[in-house]
Amino acid sequence: MTRLRVGVLGLSHDHVWSNLAAIAAGDQGVLAAVAEPDPRLRERLAREHGGATALTDFAALLERRDLDAILCFTDNRASAEWGARALGHGVPVMVEKPMAADLAGADGLVAAARAAGRPLMVNWPTAWRPALRHGVALVSGGAVGEPVQLAHRGGHAGPREYGCSEQFCAWLYDPARNGGGALVDYCGYGGILARTLLGRPETVTAVAAHLRKKDLPAEDNAVVVLRYPRALATLEGSWTQIGGEPGFAFIVYGDAGTLIVHQPRATREGQTVGAGRVQIVRPEGSEAIDPPPLPAGERDGVSYFLARLRDGRPITGLCAPEVGRDVQEILAAALESSATGRTVALAPARA
């Protein structure tokens, strides 16, 4: 099987390293070229993936004609801009969540993909957690009846405390490049679940606060409430949470039962965690379920992306571009709500 040639725009997003390791460990792609202006990150690339061509300029990478796919791992604003440019060059693109720093950037990416007729994927790392995926499948299959409330919490003690690199922290702490703070970083993880299981909300209400981080010009804690015709969803994000538990806590309260995803939580950036378990609570008792392994080719983001490109199949599920776009809309509405103190009604979906 011929391996797809992969190019990477940026190394300042720490999630890049696990994806590069997945390419090296798999049989679907080969890392051909990387563009990164920071010499320290290029040095790490040379140590860990010395076979790839290292460039200093993003535009130079896009001029190459030997690439089958491009991964964007720079800051949220630049990833949206350069991802759209790559799509304009006719190359499929994977961007790391939440796909952009604002809704305009997300809409620009989606428009570029449609205009080029090329695949676009938004990689949410939690999409490759077996317990979370099994929980979503069970709820979709009616295991707890119709959802009444959905709750998700994500957080840690802050990027620096979590062990993020200097280059990663430099833009995570910059609202212009990140799009915000803890709300943008963590509420999207719950947003993809709400969007997948409940659809686009009617309204978004949020409270975001700068409670502890003195050197942070953005929110370090946030609570977002989504209103649906027959359900509510609550999304929590924090950069002040002490300890690893709860980790990506996900609960669906249905009219026939409650589903809880127990997800082990990493305590530092890059740490590998277990598969987790699913618990279903009904009037007659509680059941614990070990999730099945994810299908081959769906164990990590870049492997899924390359498998879909190889097989000519669309990007679907949690990482579909339309899901990522709608989550960006939720985040934008939440930031507006928190700034104005008002509930934000979403416009009707466009055709």
Protein backbone atom coordinates (compact mmCIF):
# COMPACT_ATOMS: atom_id res chain seq x y z
CA MET A 1 0.00 0.00 0.00
CA THR A 2 1.36 3.39 -1.02
CA ARG A 3 1.70 5.72 1.94
CA LEU A 4 0.22 9.20 1.74
CA ARG A 5 2.74 12.03 1.95
CA VAL A 6 1.90 14.33 4.85
CA GLY A 7 2.92 17.93 5.42
CA VAL A 8 2.58 19.79 8.73
CA LEU A 9 2.02 23.51 9.22
CA GLY A 10 3.33 24.45 12.66
CA LEU A 11 4.65 22.62 15.71
CA SER A 12 3.59 25.06 18.44
CA HIS A 13 0.49 23.05 19.36
CA ASP A 14 1.66 20.30 21.73
CA HIS A 15 -0.93 17.85 20.36
CA VAL A 16 1.20 17.62 17.22
CA TRP A 17 3.73 15.24 18.74
CA SER A 18 1.31 12.38 19.41
CA ASN A 19 0.00 12.74 15.87
CA LEU A 20 3.49 12.61 14.39
CA ALA A 21 4.16 9.49 16.48
CA ALA A 22 0.96 7.93 15.12
CA ILE A 23 2.08 8.56 11.55
CA ALA A 24 5.44 6.92 12.28
CA ALA A 25 3.81 3.94 13.98
CA GLY A 26 1.20 3.39 11.27
CA ASP A 27 1.30 2.17 7.69
CA GLN A 28 -0.86 4.80 5.98
CA GLY A 29 1.31 7.90 5.84
CA VAL A 30 4.83 9.24 5.84
CA LEU A 31 5.87 12.59 7.28
CA ALA A 32 7.32 14.39 4.26
CA ALA A 33 7.72 18.04 5.25
CA VAL A 34 7.15 20.37 8.20
CA ALA A 35 7.08 24.17 8.30
CA GLU A 36 7.91 25.81 11.64
CA PRO A 37 9.67 29.15 12.27
CA ASP A 38 10.83 28.32 15.83
CA PRO A 39 14.33 26.74 15.70
CA ARG A 40 13.84 24.94 19.03
CA LEU A 41 10.81 23.11 17.68
CA ARG A 42 12.66 22.24 14.49
CA GLU A 43 15.46 20.80 16.63
CA ARG A 44 12.96 18.57 18.43
CA LEU A 45 11.55 17.53 15.06
CA ALA A 46 15.04 16.55 13.89
CA ARG A 47 15.60 14.47 17.02
CA GLU A 48 12.30 12.63 16.84
CA HIS A 49 11.45 12.62 13.11
CA GLY A 50 14.70 13.27 11.31
CA GLY A 51 13.52 12.03 7.92
CA ALA A 52 11.17 14.94 7.29
CA THR A 53 12.18 18.09 5.42
CA ALA A 54 12.13 21.06 7.81
CA LEU A 55 11.12 24.46 6.46
CA THR A 56 10.88 27.81 8.19
CA ASP A 57 8.08 29.31 6.09
CA PHE A 58 4.46 28.12 5.85
CA ALA A 59 4.06 29.46 2.32
CA ALA A 60 7.03 27.39 1.14
CA LEU A 61 5.32 24.21 2.33
CA LEU A 62 2.16 25.07 0.40
CA GLU A 63 4.21 25.48 -2.78
CA ARG A 64 5.15 21.81 -2.69
CA ARG A 65 3.25 19.60 -5.12
CA ASP A 66 4.11 16.24 -3.57
CA LEU A 67 1.82 16.37 -0.52
CA ASP A 68 -1.37 14.33 -0.18
CA ALA A 69 -2.53 15.87 3.12
CA ILE A 70 -1.73 18.76 5.43
CA LEU A 71 -2.07 18.91 9.21
CA CYS A 72 -2.32 22.30 10.96
CA PHE A 73 -0.79 22.56 14.43
CA THR A 74 -0.21 26.24 14.98
CA ASP A 75 -2.42 28.62 16.98
CA ASN A 76 -6.18 28.62 16.41
CA ARG A 77 -6.23 31.81 14.32
CA ALA A 78 -3.29 30.87 12.10
CA SER A 79 -4.50 27.28 11.68
CA ALA A 80 -7.81 28.51 10.24
CA GLU A 81 -6.04 30.95 7.90
CA TRP A 82 -3.41 28.55 6.64
CA GLY A 83 -5.79 25.61 6.55
CA ALA A 84 -8.02 27.57 4.18
CA ARG A 85 -4.98 28.40 2.03
CA ALA A 86 -3.97 24.74 1.90
CA LEU A 87 -7.48 23.75 0.82
CA GLY A 88 -7.24 26.42 -1.86
CA HIS A 89 -4.15 24.57 -3.14
CA GLY A 90 -6.30 21.44 -3.45
CA VAL A 91 -4.84 19.55 -0.46
CA PRO A 92 -7.04 17.87 2.20
CA VAL A 93 -6.61 19.42 5.65
CA MET A 94 -6.87 18.32 9.27
CA VAL A 95 -6.95 21.10 11.88
CA GLU A 96 -6.78 20.63 15.63
CA LYS A 97 -9.80 21.60 17.70
CA PRO A 98 -11.61 23.96 17.94
CA MET A 99 -10.74 24.68 14.26
CA ALA A 100 -10.47 28.48 14.57
CA ALA A 101 -10.20 31.43 16.93
CA ASP A 102 -13.65 32.71 15.94
CA LEU A 103 -16.72 31.85 13.88
CA ALA A 104 -15.51 33.80 10.86
CA GLY A 105 -12.39 31.63 10.74
CA ALA A 106 -14.45 28.44 11.00
CA ASP A 107 -16.84 29.57 8.27
CA GLY A 108 -13.85 30.46 6.10
CA LEU A 109 -12.41 26.97 6.48
CA VAL A 110 -15.71 25.28 5.64
CA ALA A 111 -16.19 27.55 2.62
CA ALA A 112 -12.65 26.80 1.40
CA ALA A 113 -13.25 23.05 1.68
CA ARG A 114 -16.50 23.30 -0.24
CA ALA A 115 -14.98 25.49 -2.94
CA ALA A 116 -12.05 23.12 -3.38
CA GLY A 117 -14.11 19.94 -3.06
CA ARG A 118 -11.48 18.58 -0.66
CA PRO A 119 -11.88 16.91 2.75
CA LEU A 120 -11.61 18.94 5.97
CA MET A 121 -11.40 17.37 9.43
CA VAL A 122 -11.47 18.93 12.90
CA ASN A 123 -9.52 16.70 15.28
CA TRP A 124 -11.01 16.49 18.79
CA PRO A 125 -8.65 14.26 20.83
CA THR A 126 -11.51 12.96 22.98
CA ALA A 127 -13.12 11.45 19.86
CA TRP A 128 -10.59 8.62 20.17
CA ARG A 129 -11.60 7.66 23.74
CA PRO A 130 -13.42 4.27 23.65
CA ALA A 131 -15.68 4.99 26.64
CA LEU A 132 -16.79 8.35 25.28
CA ARG A 133 -17.49 6.95 21.83
CA HIS A 134 -19.43 4.00 23.28
CA GLY A 135 -21.40 6.34 25.52
CA VAL A 136 -22.40 8.49 22.54
CA ALA A 137 -23.45 5.38 20.62
CA LEU A 138 -25.54 4.12 23.53
CA VAL A 139 -27.33 7.44 23.98
CA SER A 140 -27.94 7.66 20.22
CA GLY A 141 -29.41 4.16 20.36
CA GLY A 142 -31.89 5.11 23.07
CA ALA A 143 -30.18 3.46 26.04
CA VAL A 144 -31.46 6.15 28.44
CA GLY A 145 -34.50 7.28 26.48
CA GLU A 146 -34.76 10.84 25.23
CA PRO A 147 -32.08 13.10 26.74
CA VAL A 148 -33.36 15.74 29.17
CA GLN A 149 -30.01 17.14 30.33
CA LEU A 150 -26.44 16.69 29.10
CA ALA A 151 -23.47 17.76 31.22
CA HIS A 152 -19.77 17.88 30.40
CA ARG A 153 -16.81 19.25 32.33
CA GLY A 154 -13.23 19.62 31.19
CA GLY A 155 -10.31 21.32 32.82
CA HIS A 156 -6.94 21.32 34.52
CA ALA A 157 -4.93 23.67 36.72
CA GLY A 158 -3.85 25.76 33.74
CA PRO A 159 -1.66 25.19 30.65
CA ARG A 160 1.63 25.94 32.44
CA GLU A 161 0.69 23.83 35.46
CA TYR A 162 -0.39 21.01 33.13
CA GLY A 163 3.05 20.95 31.55
CA CYS A 164 2.33 22.58 28.19
CA SER A 165 5.38 23.79 26.31
CA GLU A 166 6.55 27.40 26.30
CA GLN A 167 5.49 27.74 22.66
CA PHE A 168 2.03 26.28 23.33
CA CYS A 169 1.44 28.51 26.35
CA ALA A 170 2.54 31.59 24.39
CA TRP A 171 -0.61 31.48 22.28
CA LEU A 172 -2.98 29.69 24.67
CA TYR A 173 -2.65 32.69 26.99
CA ASP A 174 -3.20 35.14 24.10
CA PRO A 175 -6.95 35.62 23.42
CA ALA A 176 -6.25 37.04 19.96
CA ARG A 177 -4.50 33.86 18.86
CA ASN A 178 -6.49 31.36 20.92
CA GLY A 179 -9.91 33.00 20.67
CA GLY A 180 -10.33 33.18 24.44
CA GLY A 181 -9.15 31.25 27.47
CA ALA A 182 -10.57 28.28 29.34
CA LEU A 183 -13.98 28.59 27.66
CA VAL A 184 -12.50 28.16 24.19
CA ASP A 185 -10.05 25.50 25.34
CA TYR A 186 -12.46 23.21 27.17
CA CYS A 187 -16.14 23.97 26.55
CA GLY A 188 -15.84 22.78 22.97
CA TYR A 189 -15.31 19.20 24.14
CA GLY A 190 -18.81 19.24 25.57
CA GLY A 191 -20.03 21.24 22.59
CA ILE A 192 -19.31 18.42 20.13
CA LEU A 193 -21.31 16.02 22.31
CA ALA A 194 -24.26 18.38 22.63
CA ARG A 195 -24.19 19.13 18.90
CA THR A 196 -24.00 15.41 18.02
CA LEU A 197 -26.71 14.20 20.40
CA LEU A 198 -29.02 17.23 20.57
CA GLY A 199 -28.25 19.32 17.48
CA ARG A 200 -27.80 23.09 17.31
CA PRO A 201 -29.20 24.82 20.39
CA GLU A 202 -31.82 27.55 20.26
CA THR A 203 -30.02 29.78 22.76
CA VAL A 204 -26.68 30.04 24.53
CA THR A 205 -26.17 31.56 27.98
CA ALA A 206 -22.73 31.76 29.57
CA VAL A 207 -20.83 33.10 32.53
CA ALA A 208 -17.05 33.33 32.06
CA ALA A 209 -14.85 34.75 34.78
CA HIS A 210 -11.24 35.65 35.46
CA LEU A 211 -11.02 34.25 38.99
CA ARG A 212 -7.43 33.25 39.78
CA LYS A 213 -4.84 33.59 36.97
CA LYS A 214 -3.32 37.02 37.48
CA ASP A 215 -1.24 36.87 34.30
CA LEU A 216 -4.14 35.76 32.09
CA PRO A 217 -6.02 38.38 30.03
CA ALA A 218 -8.91 35.96 29.41
CA GLU A 219 -11.34 33.80 31.38
CA ASP A 220 -9.97 30.99 33.56
CA ASN A 221 -13.40 29.46 34.32
CA ALA A 222 -16.65 29.26 32.37
CA VAL A 223 -20.11 27.69 32.50
CA VAL A 224 -22.20 27.54 29.33
CA VAL A 225 -25.88 26.56 29.18
CA LEU A 226 -27.46 25.47 25.89
CA ARG A 227 -31.25 25.52 25.53
CA TYR A 228 -33.03 23.07 23.24
CA PRO A 229 -36.77 22.59 22.70
CA ARG A 230 -36.81 19.53 24.99
CA ALA A 231 -33.39 19.50 26.66
CA LEU A 232 -30.61 21.48 28.30
CA ALA A 233 -26.84 21.05 28.06
CA THR A 234 -24.28 22.40 30.51
CA LEU A 235 -20.64 22.82 29.48
CA GLU A 236 -17.97 23.63 32.07
CA GLY A 237 -14.37 24.64 31.44
CA SER A 238 -11.62 25.44 33.93
CA TRP A 239 -7.97 26.38 34.07
CA THR A 240 -7.92 26.28 37.89
CA GLN A 241 -8.97 22.68 38.60
CA ILE A 242 -6.69 20.90 41.05
CA GLY A 243 -6.12 17.21 40.37
CA GLY A 244 -7.06 14.95 37.50
CA GLU A 245 -10.61 14.08 38.55
CA PRO A 246 -13.19 14.44 37.23
CA GLY A 247 -11.64 14.04 33.82
CA PHE A 248 -13.80 15.03 30.86
CA ALA A 249 -16.84 14.14 32.97
CA PHE A 250 -19.79 13.35 30.68
CA ILE A 251 -23.32 12.62 31.88
CA VAL A 252 -26.60 12.27 29.98
CA TYR A 253 -29.79 12.34 32.02
CA GLY A 254 -32.54 10.73 29.95
CA ASP A 255 -36.21 10.13 30.67
CA ALA A 256 -35.51 6.38 31.00
CA GLY A 257 -32.12 6.40 32.74
CA THR A 258 -28.77 8.11 33.24
CA LEU A 259 -25.52 7.43 31.41
CA ILE A 260 -22.15 8.35 32.91
CA VAL A 261 -18.82 8.11 31.11
CA HIS A 262 -15.98 7.49 33.56
CA GLN A 263 -12.91 8.71 31.70
CA PRO A 264 -9.42 8.46 33.24
CA ARG A 265 -7.78 11.87 33.19
CA ALA A 266 -4.25 12.66 32.20
CA THR A 267 -2.41 14.79 34.76
CA ARG A 268 0.10 16.26 32.30
CA GLU A 269 0.29 17.07 28.60
CA GLY A 270 0.96 14.05 26.39
CA GLN A 271 0.14 11.40 29.00
CA THR A 272 -1.67 8.25 27.80
CA VAL A 273 -4.76 7.16 29.73
CA GLY A 274 -6.96 4.06 29.82
CA ALA A 275 -10.12 3.27 27.88
CA GLY A 276 -12.54 4.22 30.65
CA ARG A 277 -15.95 2.72 31.45
CA VAL A 278 -19.59 3.52 30.87
CA GLN A 279 -22.22 3.32 33.59
CA ILE A 280 -25.97 3.18 32.96
CA VAL A 281 -28.31 3.84 35.88
CA ARG A 282 -31.97 2.79 35.63
CA PRO A 283 -34.73 2.41 38.24
CA GLU A 284 -33.92 -1.29 38.58
CA GLY A 285 -30.20 -0.77 39.20
CA SER A 286 -26.83 0.24 37.79
CA GLU A 287 -24.76 -1.45 35.07
CA ALA A 288 -21.05 -0.92 34.34
CA ILE A 289 -19.91 -1.50 30.77
CA ASP A 290 -16.39 -1.88 29.41
CA PRO A 291 -16.30 -0.21 25.99
CA PRO A 292 -15.31 -2.23 22.92
CA PRO A 293 -12.06 -1.28 21.19
CA LEU A 294 -12.37 1.37 18.53
CA PRO A 295 -12.34 0.07 14.94
CA ALA A 296 -9.04 -0.23 13.13
CA GLY A 297 -8.14 3.10 11.61
CA GLU A 298 -10.11 4.99 14.26
CA ARG A 299 -7.74 4.83 17.22
CA ASP A 300 -6.31 8.33 16.76
CA GLY A 301 -7.06 11.41 14.72
CA VAL A 302 -4.43 11.30 12.01
CA SER A 303 -4.91 7.57 11.35
CA TYR A 304 -8.63 8.15 10.87
CA PHE A 305 -7.94 11.11 8.59
CA LEU A 306 -5.49 9.23 6.39
CA ALA A 307 -7.70 6.12 6.24
CA ARG A 308 -10.63 8.23 5.07
CA LEU A 309 -8.48 9.88 2.40
CA ARG A 310 -7.11 6.55 1.23
CA ASP A 311 -10.57 4.97 0.99
CA GLY A 312 -12.30 8.02 -0.47
CA ARG A 313 -14.78 8.16 2.41
CA PRO A 314 -16.12 11.36 4.01
CA ILE A 315 -15.18 12.69 7.46
CA THR A 316 -18.15 11.93 9.71
CA GLY A 317 -19.08 11.87 13.39
CA LEU A 318 -17.54 14.07 16.05
CA CYS A 319 -14.79 15.34 13.75
CA ALA A 320 -16.96 16.32 10.80
CA PRO A 321 -16.38 19.92 9.66
CA GLU A 322 -20.05 20.89 10.05
CA VAL A 323 -19.95 19.74 13.68
CA GLY A 324 -16.78 21.74 14.29
CA ARG A 325 -18.32 24.80 12.68
CA ASP A 326 -21.43 24.61 14.85
CA VAL A 327 -19.33 24.17 17.99
CA GLN A 328 -17.41 27.31 17.02
CA GLU A 329 -20.77 29.06 16.77
CA ILE A 330 -21.63 27.90 20.29
CA LEU A 331 -18.29 29.16 21.62
CA ALA A 332 -18.72 32.52 19.90
CA ALA A 333 -22.22 32.89 21.33
CA ALA A 334 -20.95 31.92 24.79
CA LEU A 335 -18.24 34.58 24.67
CA GLU A 336 -20.82 37.15 23.57
CA SER A 337 -23.23 36.10 26.33
CA SER A 338 -20.56 36.27 29.02
CA ALA A 339 -19.47 39.72 27.84
CA THR A 340 -22.98 41.21 27.61
CA GLY A 341 -24.78 39.33 30.37
CA ARG A 342 -27.51 38.37 27.91
CA THR A 343 -28.74 35.12 26.42
CA VAL A 344 -27.80 34.79 22.74
CA ALA A 345 -30.29 33.29 20.30
CA LEU A 346 -28.71 31.44 17.38
CA ALA A 347 -29.81 32.30 13.86
CA PRO A 348 -31.69 29.58 11.93
CA ALA A 349 -29.45 27.07 10.23
CA ARG A 350 -28.38 28.03 6.73
CA ALA A 351 -29.22 25.77 3.82
